Amino acid sequence: MTPLDKPLRREVAIDDVLYTLTIDPDGLTLVEKGKRKGIVLAWNDLLSGDAGLAAALQASTEEKTR
């Protein structure tokens, strides 16, 4: 198996909007193409089942900063 020791980036289209998915040793990051901020999901949150809670919390804090 190849270890994940550096970021792996891929482009993905969701509802005709382009995003960049970055998979790295810390977790996953999904950012709309051309933007700086996106959704960050740590591996520990995914494993503990807190992934939905972490994503919702991050989304709610981003709405307040807009």
C-alpha atoms as a PDB file:
ATOM      1  CA  MET A   1       0.000   0.000   0.000  1.00  0.00           C
ATOM      2  CA  THR A   2       1.268   3.502  -0.826  1.00  0.00           C
ATOM      3  CA  PRO A   3       1.464   5.762   2.246  1.00  0.00           C
ATOM      4  CA  LEU A   4      -0.317   9.115   2.164  1.00  0.00           C
ATOM      5  CA  ASP A   5       2.632  11.362   2.958  1.00  0.00           C
ATOM      6  CA  LYS A   6       1.832  14.392   0.782  1.00  0.00           C
ATOM      7  CA  PRO A   7      -1.387  16.072  -0.422  1.00  0.00           C
ATOM      8  CA  LEU A   8      -3.329  14.479  -3.264  1.00  0.00           C
ATOM      9  CA  ARG A   9      -5.545  16.932  -5.181  1.00  0.00           C
ATOM     10  CA  ARG A  10      -8.380  16.117  -7.554  1.00  0.00           C
ATOM     11  CA  GLU A  11     -11.059  18.195  -9.249  1.00  0.00           C
ATOM     12  CA  VAL A  12     -14.660  17.105  -8.824  1.00  0.00           C
ATOM     13  CA  ALA A  13     -17.892  18.548 -10.283  1.00  0.00           C
ATOM     14  CA  ILE A  14     -20.899  18.643  -7.935  1.00  0.00           C
ATOM     15  CA  ASP A  15     -24.134  20.038  -9.415  1.00  0.00           C
ATOM     16  CA  ASP A  16     -22.125  21.649 -12.247  1.00  0.00           C
ATOM     17  CA  VAL A  17     -19.862  23.490  -9.755  1.00  0.00           C
ATOM     18  CA  LEU A  18     -16.154  22.638  -9.748  1.00  0.00           C
ATOM     19  CA  TYR A  19     -14.432  21.822  -6.458  1.00  0.00           C
ATOM     20  CA  THR A  20     -10.924  20.826  -5.475  1.00  0.00           C
ATOM     21  CA  LEU A  21     -10.704  17.836  -3.144  1.00  0.00           C
ATOM     22  CA  THR A  22      -7.454  17.580  -1.205  1.00  0.00           C
ATOM     23  CA  ILE A  23      -6.642  14.402   0.680  1.00  0.00           C
ATOM     24  CA  ASP A  24      -3.659  14.671   3.012  1.00  0.00           C
ATOM     25  CA  PRO A  25      -2.367  13.030   6.204  1.00  0.00           C
ATOM     26  CA  ASP A  26      -4.561  15.381   8.315  1.00  0.00           C
ATOM     27  CA  GLY A  27      -7.866  14.690   6.523  1.00  0.00           C
ATOM     28  CA  LEU A  28     -10.027  15.919   3.638  1.00  0.00           C
ATOM     29  CA  THR A  29     -10.591  19.446   2.342  1.00  0.00           C
ATOM     30  CA  LEU A  30     -13.260  20.368  -0.203  1.00  0.00           C
ATOM     31  CA  VAL A  31     -13.028  23.894  -1.653  1.00  0.00           C
ATOM     32  CA  GLU A  32     -14.987  25.497  -4.467  1.00  0.00           C
ATOM     33  CA  LYS A  33     -12.661  26.177  -7.383  1.00  0.00           C
ATOM     34  CA  GLY A  34     -11.267  29.714  -7.185  1.00  0.00           C
ATOM     35  CA  LYS A  35     -12.151  30.103  -3.497  1.00  0.00           C
ATOM     36  CA  ARG A  36      -9.914  29.908  -0.425  1.00  0.00           C
ATOM     37  CA  LYS A  37     -12.274  28.590   2.233  1.00  0.00           C
ATOM     38  CA  GLY A  38     -14.044  25.273   2.195  1.00  0.00           C
ATOM     39  CA  ILE A  39     -14.985  22.284   4.298  1.00  0.00           C
ATOM     40  CA  VAL A  40     -12.258  20.593   6.330  1.00  0.00           C
ATOM     41  CA  LEU A  41     -12.795  17.134   7.773  1.00  0.00           C
ATOM     42  CA  ALA A  42     -10.150  15.568  10.002  1.00  0.00           C
ATOM     43  CA  TRP A  43      -9.608  11.811   9.919  1.00  0.00           C
ATOM     44  CA  ASN A  44     -10.309  11.611  13.681  1.00  0.00           C
ATOM     45  CA  ASP A  45     -13.724  13.275  13.204  1.00  0.00           C
ATOM     46  CA  LEU A  46     -14.566  10.801  10.460  1.00  0.00           C
ATOM     47  CA  LEU A  47     -13.568   7.801  12.571  1.00  0.00           C
ATOM     48  CA  SER A  48     -15.326   8.980  15.716  1.00  0.00           C
ATOM     49  CA  GLY A  49     -18.602   9.596  13.903  1.00  0.00           C
ATOM     50  CA  ASP A  50     -18.392  13.341  14.526  1.00  0.00           C
ATOM     51  CA  ALA A  51     -17.986  14.107  10.818  1.00  0.00           C
ATOM     52  CA  GLY A  52     -21.504  15.495  10.407  1.00  0.00           C
ATOM     53  CA  LEU A  53     -21.235  17.544  13.554  1.00  0.00           C
ATOM     54  CA  ALA A  54     -17.825  18.933  12.582  1.00  0.00           C
ATOM     55  CA  ALA A  55     -19.048  19.904   9.092  1.00  0.00           C
ATOM     56  CA  ALA A  56     -22.205  21.548  10.480  1.00  0.00           C
ATOM     57  CA  LEU A  57     -20.221  23.485  13.067  1.00  0.00           C
ATOM     58  CA  GLN A  58     -17.746  24.689  10.468  1.00  0.00           C
ATOM     59  CA  ALA A  59     -20.544  25.748   8.108  1.00  0.00           C
ATOM     60  CA  SER A  60     -22.310  27.677  10.866  1.00  0.00           C
ATOM     61  CA  THR A  61     -19.140  29.576  11.809  1.00  0.00           C
ATOM     62  CA  GLU A  62     -18.456  30.447   8.153  1.00  0.00           C
ATOM     63  CA  GLU A  63     -21.965  31.898   7.761  1.00  0.00           C
ATOM     64  CA  LYS A  64     -21.329  34.222  10.721  1.00  0.00           C
ATOM     65  CA  THR A  65     -18.081  35.525   9.198  1.00  0.00           C
ATOM     66  CA  ARG A  66     -19.611  36.415   5.834  1.00  0.00           C
END
